[in-house]
Amino acid sequence: MTPKEIAAQYEAKVFDSPDAARVAGFVLTETMRPRNVWNKASAASALVLKLIPKKTRGEAEEIGLIVEPWSVTGCYKPAEVNAPAA
């Protein structure tokens, strides 16, 4: 599977640059720089699997991957916290 297919399987957004993710309101997490295509898919899978618990716990509204030619970075959009009215 490719990193984009892995993202689709886990309903993660895919970005082509860190700036695109930041503009969309995502917070960047870990970056991996694999040496070949197979390791890139493995890195994408590992990053998504680390982000899923954030989404499950409600800390992340959405999760995503930034897929660049020589790296893969995890990211998530923090869940909005509703502040109580004063």
N, C-alpha and C. Protein backbone atom coordinates (compact mmCIF):
# COMPACT_ATOMS: atom_id res chain seq x y z
N MET A 1 0.84 -1.19 0.00
CA MET A 1 0.00 0.00 0.00
C MET A 1 0.89 1.25 0.00
N THR A 2 0.38 2.28 -0.60
CA THR A 2 1.10 3.55 -0.61
C THR A 2 0.67 4.37 0.60
N PRO A 3 1.44 5.41 0.97
CA PRO A 3 1.03 6.27 2.08
C PRO A 3 -0.37 6.87 1.88
N LYS A 4 -0.72 7.22 0.65
CA LYS A 4 -2.05 7.78 0.39
C LYS A 4 -3.14 6.74 0.58
N GLU A 5 -2.88 5.51 0.21
CA GLU A 5 -3.86 4.43 0.43
C GLU A 5 -4.02 4.14 1.92
N ILE A 6 -2.92 4.20 2.65
CA ILE A 6 -2.98 4.00 4.10
C ILE A 6 -3.81 5.12 4.74
N ALA A 7 -3.59 6.35 4.31
CA ALA A 7 -4.37 7.48 4.83
C ALA A 7 -5.85 7.29 4.54
N ALA A 8 -6.18 6.86 3.33
CA ALA A 8 -7.58 6.65 2.97
C ALA A 8 -8.22 5.56 3.83
N GLN A 9 -7.47 4.52 4.11
CA GLN A 9 -7.98 3.42 4.93
C GLN A 9 -8.37 3.90 6.32
N TYR A 10 -7.63 4.84 6.87
CA TYR A 10 -7.88 5.33 8.23
C TYR A 10 -8.57 6.69 8.24
N GLU A 11 -9.10 7.11 7.09
CA GLU A 11 -9.81 8.38 6.96
C GLU A 11 -8.96 9.56 7.42
N ALA A 12 -7.71 9.54 7.01
CA ALA A 12 -6.77 10.62 7.34
C ALA A 12 -6.62 11.53 6.12
N LYS A 13 -6.51 12.81 6.37
CA LYS A 13 -6.29 13.77 5.28
C LYS A 13 -4.85 13.62 4.78
N VAL A 14 -4.63 13.98 3.55
CA VAL A 14 -3.28 13.94 2.98
C VAL A 14 -2.91 15.34 2.50
N PHE A 15 -1.73 15.78 2.92
CA PHE A 15 -1.21 17.09 2.52
C PHE A 15 0.10 16.88 1.78
N ASP A 16 0.46 17.85 0.93
CA ASP A 16 1.72 17.73 0.20
C ASP A 16 2.84 18.58 0.78
N SER A 17 2.50 19.39 1.80
CA SER A 17 3.54 20.19 2.46
C SER A 17 3.12 20.53 3.89
N PRO A 18 4.09 20.75 4.76
CA PRO A 18 3.76 21.15 6.13
C PRO A 18 2.95 22.45 6.18
N ASP A 19 3.27 23.38 5.30
CA ASP A 19 2.53 24.65 5.28
C ASP A 19 1.06 24.44 4.96
N ALA A 20 0.76 23.55 4.04
CA ALA A 20 -0.64 23.27 3.69
C ALA A 20 -1.39 22.71 4.89
N ALA A 21 -0.75 21.85 5.66
CA ALA A 21 -1.38 21.29 6.85
C ALA A 21 -1.61 22.37 7.90
N ARG A 22 -0.61 23.21 8.12
CA ARG A 22 -0.75 24.29 9.12
C ARG A 22 -1.87 25.24 8.75
N VAL A 23 -1.96 25.61 7.47
CA VAL A 23 -3.02 26.52 7.02
C VAL A 23 -4.39 25.91 7.27
N ALA A 24 -4.51 24.59 7.17
CA ALA A 24 -5.77 23.89 7.40
C ALA A 24 -6.06 23.70 8.89
N GLY A 25 -5.16 24.19 9.76
CA GLY A 25 -5.38 24.11 11.20
C GLY A 25 -4.83 22.86 11.86
N PHE A 26 -3.95 22.16 11.18
CA PHE A 26 -3.38 20.93 11.72
C PHE A 26 -2.08 21.22 12.48
N VAL A 27 -1.84 20.42 13.50
CA VAL A 27 -0.61 20.48 14.29
C VAL A 27 0.28 19.34 13.83
N LEU A 28 1.55 19.64 13.55
CA LEU A 28 2.48 18.62 13.08
C LEU A 28 3.02 17.81 14.25
N THR A 29 3.23 16.53 14.00
CA THR A 29 3.82 15.65 15.02
C THR A 29 5.17 15.16 14.51
N GLU A 30 5.36 13.89 14.51
CA GLU A 30 6.64 13.28 14.17
C GLU A 30 6.87 13.21 12.65
N THR A 31 8.12 13.37 12.26
CA THR A 31 8.52 13.22 10.86
C THR A 31 9.46 12.03 10.72
N MET A 32 9.23 11.23 9.70
CA MET A 32 10.12 10.10 9.41
C MET A 32 10.66 10.28 8.00
N ARG A 33 11.94 9.97 7.82
CA ARG A 33 12.59 10.08 6.52
C ARG A 33 13.09 8.71 6.07
N PRO A 34 12.19 7.91 5.51
CA PRO A 34 12.58 6.56 5.10
C PRO A 34 13.52 6.57 3.91
N ARG A 35 14.26 5.48 3.77
CA ARG A 35 15.26 5.39 2.70
C ARG A 35 14.72 4.84 1.40
N ASN A 36 13.54 4.20 1.41
CA ASN A 36 13.00 3.66 0.16
C ASN A 36 11.47 3.64 0.21
N VAL A 37 10.86 3.26 -0.88
CA VAL A 37 9.40 3.29 -1.01
C VAL A 37 8.71 2.39 0.02
N TRP A 38 9.25 1.21 0.25
CA TRP A 38 8.61 0.28 1.19
C TRP A 38 8.66 0.85 2.60
N ASN A 39 9.77 1.45 2.96
CA ASN A 39 9.88 2.04 4.28
C ASN A 39 8.98 3.26 4.42
N LYS A 40 8.70 3.95 3.32
CA LYS A 40 7.82 5.12 3.35
C LYS A 40 6.40 4.68 3.73
N ALA A 41 5.94 3.60 3.17
CA ALA A 41 4.61 3.08 3.51
C ALA A 41 4.58 2.62 4.97
N SER A 42 5.64 2.00 5.41
CA SER A 42 5.74 1.56 6.80
C SER A 42 5.73 2.75 7.75
N ALA A 43 6.45 3.80 7.39
CA ALA A 43 6.47 5.01 8.21
C ALA A 43 5.09 5.65 8.27
N ALA A 44 4.40 5.71 7.14
CA ALA A 44 3.05 6.27 7.10
C ALA A 44 2.11 5.49 8.01
N SER A 45 2.21 4.19 7.94
CA SER A 45 1.36 3.33 8.78
C SER A 45 1.65 3.56 10.26
N ALA A 46 2.92 3.62 10.62
CA ALA A 46 3.29 3.83 12.01
C ALA A 46 2.78 5.18 12.52
N LEU A 47 2.89 6.21 11.70
CA LEU A 47 2.43 7.54 12.12
C LEU A 47 0.92 7.58 12.30
N VAL A 48 0.19 6.98 11.37
CA VAL A 48 -1.28 6.96 11.49
C VAL A 48 -1.70 6.19 12.73
N LEU A 49 -1.05 5.06 12.97
CA LEU A 49 -1.41 4.26 14.15
C LEU A 49 -1.12 4.98 15.46
N LYS A 50 -0.17 5.91 15.46
CA LYS A 50 0.09 6.72 16.65
C LYS A 50 -0.96 7.81 16.82
N LEU A 51 -1.57 8.25 15.71
CA LEU A 51 -2.55 9.33 15.77
C LEU A 51 -3.97 8.85 16.07
N ILE A 52 -4.27 7.62 15.74
CA ILE A 52 -5.63 7.10 15.95
C ILE A 52 -6.09 7.22 17.40
N PRO A 53 -5.26 6.91 18.41
CA PRO A 53 -5.72 7.08 19.79
C PRO A 53 -6.11 8.53 20.13
N LYS A 54 -5.43 9.51 19.54
CA LYS A 54 -5.80 10.92 19.76
C LYS A 54 -7.23 11.17 19.27
N LYS A 55 -7.55 10.62 18.11
CA LYS A 55 -8.89 10.79 17.55
C LYS A 55 -9.92 10.04 18.39
N THR A 56 -9.57 8.84 18.83
CA THR A 56 -10.47 8.02 19.64
C THR A 56 -10.77 8.69 20.97
N ARG A 57 -9.77 9.31 21.58
CA ARG A 57 -9.95 9.99 22.87
C ARG A 57 -10.64 11.34 22.73
N GLY A 58 -10.81 11.81 21.51
CA GLY A 58 -11.45 13.10 21.30
C GLY A 58 -10.50 14.27 21.34
N GLU A 59 -9.20 14.01 21.38
CA GLU A 59 -8.20 15.09 21.38
C GLU A 59 -8.02 15.67 19.99
N ALA A 60 -8.30 14.85 18.96
CA ALA A 60 -8.12 15.29 17.58
C ALA A 60 -9.46 15.18 16.84
N GLU A 61 -9.78 16.24 16.14
CA GLU A 61 -10.98 16.25 15.31
C GLU A 61 -10.72 15.43 14.04
N GLU A 62 -9.53 15.60 13.47
CA GLU A 62 -9.12 14.88 12.27
C GLU A 62 -7.64 14.54 12.39
N ILE A 63 -7.22 13.50 11.66
CA ILE A 63 -5.81 13.15 11.60
C ILE A 63 -5.36 13.24 10.15
N GLY A 64 -4.04 13.32 9.94
CA GLY A 64 -3.55 13.44 8.58
C GLY A 64 -2.10 13.05 8.43
N LEU A 65 -1.69 13.00 7.17
CA LEU A 65 -0.30 12.72 6.82
C LEU A 65 0.17 13.77 5.83
N ILE A 66 1.40 14.19 5.99
CA ILE A 66 2.05 15.07 5.02
C ILE A 66 3.02 14.18 4.27
N VAL A 67 2.71 13.95 3.00
CA VAL A 67 3.52 13.04 2.19
C VAL A 67 4.36 13.87 1.23
N GLU A 68 5.65 13.91 1.51
CA GLU A 68 6.60 14.62 0.66
C GLU A 68 7.50 13.58 -0.01
N PRO A 69 8.26 13.98 -1.02
CA PRO A 69 9.09 12.99 -1.72
C PRO A 69 10.02 12.18 -0.82
N TRP A 70 10.61 12.79 0.20
CA TRP A 70 11.60 12.07 1.01
C TRP A 70 11.23 11.99 2.48
N SER A 71 9.96 12.32 2.81
CA SER A 71 9.56 12.22 4.21
C SER A 71 8.05 12.07 4.34
N VAL A 72 7.65 11.61 5.52
CA VAL A 72 6.24 11.50 5.87
C VAL A 72 6.11 12.08 7.28
N THR A 73 5.12 12.95 7.48
CA THR A 73 4.91 13.58 8.78
C THR A 73 3.46 13.36 9.20
N GLY A 74 3.27 13.06 10.46
CA GLY A 74 1.92 12.93 11.00
C GLY A 74 1.41 14.30 11.41
N CYS A 75 0.10 14.47 11.41
CA CYS A 75 -0.48 15.72 11.87
C CYS A 75 -1.92 15.46 12.32
N TYR A 76 -2.44 16.38 13.11
CA TYR A 76 -3.82 16.26 13.56
C TYR A 76 -4.41 17.64 13.76
N LYS A 77 -5.72 17.71 13.64
CA LYS A 77 -6.44 18.96 13.89
C LYS A 77 -7.02 18.83 15.28
N PRO A 78 -6.58 19.69 16.21
CA PRO A 78 -7.06 19.58 17.58
C PRO A 78 -8.58 19.76 17.65
N ALA A 79 -9.18 19.00 18.54
CA ALA A 79 -10.62 19.12 18.75
C ALA A 79 -10.90 20.47 19.41
N GLU A 80 -11.95 21.09 18.99
CA GLU A 80 -12.32 22.37 19.57
C GLU A 80 -12.87 22.16 20.97
N VAL A 81 -12.36 22.96 21.88
CA VAL A 81 -12.82 22.88 23.25
C VAL A 81 -13.82 24.01 23.45
N ASN A 82 -15.04 23.64 23.79
CA ASN A 82 -16.07 24.66 24.03
C ASN A 82 -15.90 25.25 25.42
N ALA A 83 -15.54 26.52 25.44
CA ALA A 83 -15.36 27.20 26.72
C ALA A 83 -16.74 27.50 27.32
N PRO A 84 -16.90 27.29 28.63
CA PRO A 84 -18.19 27.57 29.27
C PRO A 84 -18.48 29.06 29.24
N ALA A 85 -19.74 29.39 29.06
CA ALA A 85 -20.14 30.80 29.03
C ALA A 85 -20.03 31.40 30.42
N ALA A 86 -19.55 32.64 30.47
CA ALA A 86 -19.33 33.29 31.78
C ALA A 86 -20.57 33.95 32.26
